[in-house]
Amino acid sequence: MMTGPIRRSWRFIDGVLLAGLLALAVGAAWPVWRGIFDRAINDAEQSHVLLAAPVALWLVWVRRERLRRSRPQWSMAGPAVIAIGALSGWYGFTRGHLALEDLGAVLMAAGAVLTVVGVRTARQFLPAFVALLFLIPVPGMIRQQIAIPLQEATAVITAAGLDLTGFPVARDGNVIVINGREVAVAEACNGMRMVSALLLVSFAFVFSTPMRQGVRVLILAASPLVALICNVIRLVPVVLFYGYSTQETADFFHDLSGWLVLVIALGILWTFLSVLRWVEIPVTPYAVAQE
């Protein structure tokens, strides 16, 4: 006698139900989603939110072969997560905790997906679900606690680097004076923006590449250091543009470099992995048999 839920193959109706439930979950919290993306578009410090959904989809894509071994299995865990999300959203709204309200909207969407695909399949794509948490804008208090010390460190290192390369600079706190012009590090290259975006990039990188869990934890833990390095790499030319170019040109380079530096971050991560392999530190989770 068979017990438990019956697992079956994927069907077109599964996709329709998944899309329908997801649309209902997003629609029920639409004002919250609108607020999330308004902040992401209008506040540069929250721009990493725009990368969260593409990263989640990418993490599903790199694991697409697992769909052949997974089967949809309706689960009551989905409605439970939806209920928790609704409660979190209600509590956040009534108590003025914006982060809890945002978390509630994300949990409701994740619960809709979990209802259709089931716990077993969701576990196979757990990194994609975790990536959805980056849809939640970072609360201001946490943002300031990270950004202020990072900005101070960036200003010190950048001023020292420019001075060593022969550019006459002076520093007053987070303000660098070059060619008689003041460049505020908080305005020219915000540290928190880099931490959030690079943590998301690092997360996507470690779960897109086969590697040991210890190496993944190490790379994620080192992401603030990578953010500091990338901040300095970005800030040196930004300061030079603000000091010796027009305001319009400097502003354009400032905005462009904020995205280009993510490519530099990926290069640093690949280099780090290459160094680990070069010194023969095990990186992959299993040894490949040699023919």
Protein backbone atom coordinates (compact mmCIF):
# COMPACT_ATOMS: atom_id res chain seq x y z
CA MET A 1 0.00 0.00 0.00
CA MET A 2 1.45 3.36 -1.04
CA THR A 3 1.65 6.14 1.50
CA GLY A 4 2.58 9.80 1.23
CA PRO A 5 2.20 12.19 -1.71
CA ILE A 6 2.60 10.89 -5.23
CA ARG A 7 5.37 12.45 -7.27
CA ARG A 8 4.72 12.90 -10.97
CA SER A 9 6.32 14.49 -14.01
CA TRP A 10 6.23 18.20 -14.77
CA ARG A 11 3.19 19.29 -16.76
CA PHE A 12 2.10 22.50 -18.44
CA ILE A 13 -0.56 23.01 -15.78
CA ASP A 14 2.19 23.15 -13.15
CA GLY A 15 3.65 26.19 -14.86
CA VAL A 16 0.23 27.82 -15.11
CA LEU A 17 -0.50 27.22 -11.43
CA LEU A 18 2.94 28.44 -10.43
CA ALA A 19 2.58 31.64 -12.45
CA GLY A 20 -0.95 32.18 -11.14
CA LEU A 21 -0.10 31.73 -7.46
CA LEU A 22 3.01 33.89 -7.83
CA ALA A 23 0.97 36.64 -9.49
CA LEU A 24 -1.59 36.49 -6.67
CA ALA A 25 1.13 36.66 -4.00
CA VAL A 26 2.83 39.64 -5.66
CA GLY A 27 -0.50 41.35 -6.32
CA ALA A 28 -1.57 40.98 -2.69
CA ALA A 29 1.56 42.86 -1.58
CA TRP A 30 1.84 45.12 -4.62
CA PRO A 31 2.20 48.41 -2.67
CA VAL A 32 5.16 46.89 -0.83
CA TRP A 33 6.81 45.68 -4.05
CA ARG A 34 6.29 49.08 -5.61
CA GLY A 35 7.98 50.69 -2.62
CA ILE A 36 10.90 48.26 -2.82
CA PHE A 37 11.63 49.02 -6.47
CA ASP A 38 11.02 52.75 -6.05
CA ARG A 39 13.80 52.78 -3.45
CA ALA A 40 16.02 50.63 -5.64
CA ILE A 41 15.65 52.98 -8.60
CA ASN A 42 15.82 56.29 -6.74
CA ASP A 43 18.35 55.42 -4.01
CA ALA A 44 21.76 54.42 -5.37
CA GLU A 45 22.61 52.72 -2.07
CA GLN A 46 19.78 50.23 -2.68
CA SER A 47 20.52 49.61 -6.37
CA HIS A 48 21.67 46.06 -5.60
CA VAL A 49 17.97 45.15 -5.27
CA LEU A 50 17.70 45.37 -9.07
CA LEU A 51 20.23 42.52 -9.36
CA ALA A 52 18.53 40.15 -6.91
CA ALA A 53 15.88 38.68 -9.22
CA PRO A 54 18.30 38.16 -12.17
CA VAL A 55 20.76 36.46 -9.81
CA ALA A 56 18.02 34.16 -8.48
CA LEU A 57 17.02 33.24 -12.03
CA TRP A 58 20.67 32.63 -12.93
CA LEU A 59 21.09 30.27 -9.95
CA VAL A 60 18.03 28.34 -11.17
CA TRP A 61 19.45 28.22 -14.70
CA VAL A 62 22.83 26.80 -13.66
CA ARG A 63 20.95 24.05 -11.79
CA ARG A 64 18.43 23.39 -14.54
CA GLU A 65 19.60 19.78 -14.92
CA ARG A 66 18.20 19.08 -11.46
CA LEU A 67 14.70 19.63 -12.82
CA ARG A 68 15.00 16.29 -14.63
CA ARG A 69 15.53 14.55 -11.29
CA SER A 70 12.95 16.63 -9.43
CA ARG A 71 9.20 16.38 -9.61
CA PRO A 72 6.48 18.82 -8.56
CA GLN A 73 4.93 17.90 -5.26
CA TRP A 74 2.27 20.10 -3.72
CA SER A 75 3.26 21.04 -0.20
CA MET A 76 1.41 22.61 2.71
CA ALA A 77 4.70 24.23 3.65
CA GLY A 78 3.97 26.81 0.95
CA PRO A 79 0.74 28.15 2.51
CA ALA A 80 2.52 28.15 5.88
CA VAL A 81 5.29 30.36 4.48
CA ILE A 82 2.68 32.61 2.85
CA ALA A 83 0.92 32.97 6.22
CA ILE A 84 4.21 33.83 7.95
CA GLY A 85 4.93 36.39 5.23
CA ALA A 86 1.49 37.96 5.61
CA LEU A 87 1.95 38.15 9.38
CA SER A 88 5.41 39.69 8.98
CA GLY A 89 4.05 42.25 6.53
CA TRP A 90 1.15 43.15 8.82
CA TYR A 91 3.41 43.48 11.86
CA GLY A 92 5.93 45.57 9.93
CA PHE A 93 3.20 47.86 8.61
CA THR A 94 1.52 48.40 11.98
CA ARG A 95 4.78 48.87 13.90
CA GLY A 96 6.59 50.90 11.26
CA HIS A 97 9.29 48.28 10.58
CA LEU A 98 9.83 48.63 6.84
CA ALA A 99 12.27 45.71 6.63
CA LEU A 100 9.71 43.29 8.11
CA GLU A 101 7.09 44.57 5.69
CA ASP A 102 9.49 43.95 2.77
CA LEU A 103 10.40 40.53 4.16
CA GLY A 104 6.73 39.63 4.29
CA ALA A 105 6.28 40.36 0.58
CA VAL A 106 9.30 38.22 -0.33
CA LEU A 107 8.13 35.33 1.88
CA MET A 108 4.68 35.40 0.30
CA ALA A 109 6.20 35.11 -3.19
CA ALA A 110 8.56 32.33 -2.07
CA GLY A 111 5.65 30.51 -0.41
CA ALA A 112 3.67 30.61 -3.66
CA VAL A 113 6.53 28.87 -5.47
CA LEU A 114 7.01 26.38 -2.63
CA THR A 115 3.32 25.43 -2.75
CA VAL A 116 3.63 24.12 -6.30
CA VAL A 117 7.20 22.74 -6.47
CA GLY A 118 7.34 21.21 -2.99
CA VAL A 119 10.03 21.10 -0.32
CA ARG A 120 12.18 18.48 -2.06
CA THR A 121 12.51 20.49 -5.27
CA ALA A 122 12.92 23.78 -3.39
CA ARG A 123 15.84 22.28 -1.49
CA GLN A 124 17.56 21.56 -4.81
CA PHE A 125 17.33 25.27 -5.65
CA LEU A 126 17.89 26.68 -2.17
CA PRO A 127 20.55 29.25 -3.24
CA ALA A 128 18.03 30.84 -5.60
CA PHE A 129 15.52 31.21 -2.76
CA VAL A 130 18.20 32.72 -0.51
CA ALA A 131 19.13 35.19 -3.27
CA LEU A 132 15.58 36.56 -3.08
CA LEU A 133 16.41 37.98 0.36
CA PHE A 134 18.57 40.54 -1.44
CA LEU A 135 15.28 42.02 -2.68
CA ILE A 136 14.92 43.50 0.80
CA PRO A 137 16.52 46.97 0.96
CA VAL A 138 19.11 47.29 3.72
CA PRO A 139 17.71 49.21 6.73
CA GLY A 140 19.29 52.63 7.27
CA MET A 141 20.77 51.82 10.69
CA ILE A 142 22.61 48.75 9.40
CA ARG A 143 23.66 50.60 6.26
CA GLN A 144 25.28 53.40 8.23
CA GLN A 145 27.12 51.06 10.60
CA ILE A 146 28.82 49.43 7.62
CA ALA A 147 29.20 52.42 5.32
CA ILE A 148 30.84 54.91 7.72
CA PRO A 149 33.91 52.84 8.72
CA LEU A 150 34.28 51.57 5.15
CA GLN A 151 34.24 55.13 3.80
CA GLU A 152 36.85 56.21 6.35
CA ALA A 153 39.16 53.33 5.44
CA THR A 154 38.67 53.97 1.73
CA ALA A 155 39.47 57.68 2.10
CA VAL A 156 42.70 56.95 4.02
CA ILE A 157 43.95 54.33 1.53
CA THR A 158 42.95 56.36 -1.54
CA ALA A 159 44.63 59.54 -0.30
CA ALA A 160 47.79 57.61 0.53
CA GLY A 161 47.80 55.93 -2.89
CA LEU A 162 47.36 59.21 -4.75
CA ASP A 163 50.09 60.83 -2.68
CA LEU A 164 52.50 57.97 -3.41
CA THR A 165 51.87 58.27 -7.15
CA GLY A 166 52.75 61.97 -7.11
CA PHE A 167 49.36 63.66 -7.00
CA PRO A 168 49.23 66.43 -4.39
CA VAL A 169 46.28 65.65 -2.14
CA ALA A 170 45.09 66.49 1.34
CA ARG A 171 42.54 64.67 3.44
CA ASP A 172 40.14 65.99 6.03
CA GLY A 173 38.11 63.08 7.37
CA ASN A 174 36.22 61.60 4.42
CA VAL A 175 36.95 64.62 2.21
CA ILE A 176 39.90 64.46 -0.21
CA VAL A 177 41.20 67.78 -1.56
CA ILE A 178 42.87 67.59 -4.98
CA ASN A 179 43.67 70.46 -7.34
CA GLY A 180 41.82 72.80 -4.99
CA ARG A 181 38.60 70.79 -5.22
CA GLU A 182 36.95 68.86 -2.43
CA VAL A 183 35.73 65.33 -3.12
CA ALA A 184 33.58 63.72 -0.42
CA VAL A 185 34.08 59.96 -0.34
CA ALA A 186 30.51 59.47 0.86
CA GLU A 187 29.26 61.14 -2.32
CA ALA A 188 31.87 60.01 -4.83
CA CYS A 189 31.97 56.32 -3.93
CA ASN A 190 29.58 55.05 -1.31
CA GLY A 191 30.93 52.04 0.56
CA MET A 192 27.60 50.47 1.45
CA ARG A 193 26.56 50.34 -2.18
CA MET A 194 29.67 48.30 -2.93
CA VAL A 195 29.21 45.95 0.05
CA SER A 196 25.61 45.07 -0.86
CA ALA A 197 26.29 44.61 -4.57
CA LEU A 198 29.54 42.69 -4.08
CA LEU A 199 28.01 40.43 -1.45
CA LEU A 200 25.32 39.55 -4.00
CA VAL A 201 27.92 39.06 -6.73
CA SER A 202 30.01 36.89 -4.41
CA PHE A 203 26.93 34.85 -3.50
CA ALA A 204 26.11 34.29 -7.16
CA PHE A 205 29.73 33.37 -7.88
CA VAL A 206 30.18 30.79 -5.11
CA PHE A 207 26.91 29.03 -5.89
CA SER A 208 27.52 29.04 -9.65
CA THR A 209 30.89 27.31 -9.33
CA PRO A 210 31.40 23.83 -7.83
CA MET A 211 33.45 24.30 -4.65
CA ARG A 212 33.70 23.11 -1.09
CA GLN A 213 31.41 24.69 1.48
CA GLY A 214 34.41 25.95 3.44
CA VAL A 215 35.70 27.83 0.39
CA ARG A 216 32.24 29.31 -0.16
CA VAL A 217 32.09 30.56 3.41
CA LEU A 218 35.61 31.98 3.09
CA ILE A 219 34.75 33.93 -0.08
CA LEU A 220 31.50 35.29 1.38
CA ALA A 221 33.30 36.31 4.58
CA ALA A 222 35.97 38.08 2.51
CA SER A 223 33.43 40.05 0.45
CA PRO A 224 33.74 43.19 2.65
CA LEU A 225 37.51 43.15 2.01
CA VAL A 226 36.88 42.73 -1.71
CA ALA A 227 34.47 45.67 -1.47
CA LEU A 228 37.19 47.79 0.15
CA ILE A 229 39.69 46.87 -2.58
CA CYS A 230 37.17 47.59 -5.34
CA ASN A 231 36.19 50.84 -3.63
CA VAL A 232 39.80 52.03 -3.74
CA ILE A 233 40.23 50.89 -7.37
CA ARG A 234 37.12 52.85 -8.26
CA LEU A 235 37.76 55.90 -6.10
CA VAL A 236 41.28 56.69 -7.37
CA PRO A 237 40.17 57.57 -10.94
CA VAL A 238 36.91 59.09 -9.64
CA VAL A 239 38.86 61.54 -7.47
CA LEU A 240 41.13 62.38 -10.40
CA PHE A 241 38.11 63.06 -12.62
CA TYR A 242 36.54 65.30 -10.00
CA GLY A 243 39.85 67.09 -9.49
CA TYR A 244 40.95 67.63 -13.08
CA SER A 245 37.84 67.23 -15.26
CA THR A 246 34.42 68.82 -15.54
CA GLN A 247 31.64 68.04 -13.09
CA GLU A 248 29.54 66.43 -15.84
CA THR A 249 32.36 64.10 -16.97
CA ALA A 250 33.18 63.16 -13.38
CA ASP A 251 29.54 62.41 -12.57
CA PHE A 252 29.24 60.22 -15.68
CA PHE A 253 32.36 58.24 -14.81
CA HIS A 254 31.22 57.95 -11.19
CA ASP A 255 27.92 56.35 -12.23
CA LEU A 256 29.49 54.12 -14.88
CA SER A 257 32.30 52.88 -12.64
CA GLY A 258 29.77 51.77 -10.02
CA TRP A 259 28.72 48.93 -12.36
CA LEU A 260 32.06 48.28 -14.04
CA VAL A 261 33.67 47.59 -10.69
CA LEU A 262 31.44 44.50 -10.34
CA VAL A 263 33.38 43.01 -13.25
CA ILE A 264 36.60 43.76 -11.37
CA ALA A 265 35.15 42.02 -8.32
CA LEU A 266 34.45 38.88 -10.37
CA GLY A 267 38.03 39.01 -11.63
CA ILE A 268 39.32 39.19 -8.06
CA LEU A 269 37.19 36.19 -7.06
CA TRP A 270 38.39 34.12 -10.03
CA THR A 271 41.98 35.08 -9.22
CA PHE A 272 41.48 34.01 -5.60
CA LEU A 273 40.19 30.60 -6.72
CA SER A 274 43.10 30.24 -9.13
CA VAL A 275 45.56 30.97 -6.33
CA LEU A 276 43.91 28.34 -4.13
CA ARG A 277 44.26 25.77 -6.92
CA TRP A 278 47.86 26.87 -7.59
CA VAL A 279 48.87 26.23 -3.97
CA GLU A 280 46.98 22.92 -4.21
CA ILE A 281 44.29 23.73 -1.65
CA PRO A 282 41.22 21.56 -2.34
CA VAL A 283 38.52 23.71 -3.89
CA THR A 284 36.05 21.37 -5.60
CA PRO A 285 33.71 19.23 -3.45
CA TYR A 286 34.97 15.98 -4.98
CA ALA A 287 38.02 14.64 -6.70
CA VAL A 288 37.71 14.09 -10.44
CA ALA A 289 38.82 10.62 -11.45
CA GLN A 290 41.70 10.60 -13.85
CA GLU A 291 41.46 8.34 -16.88
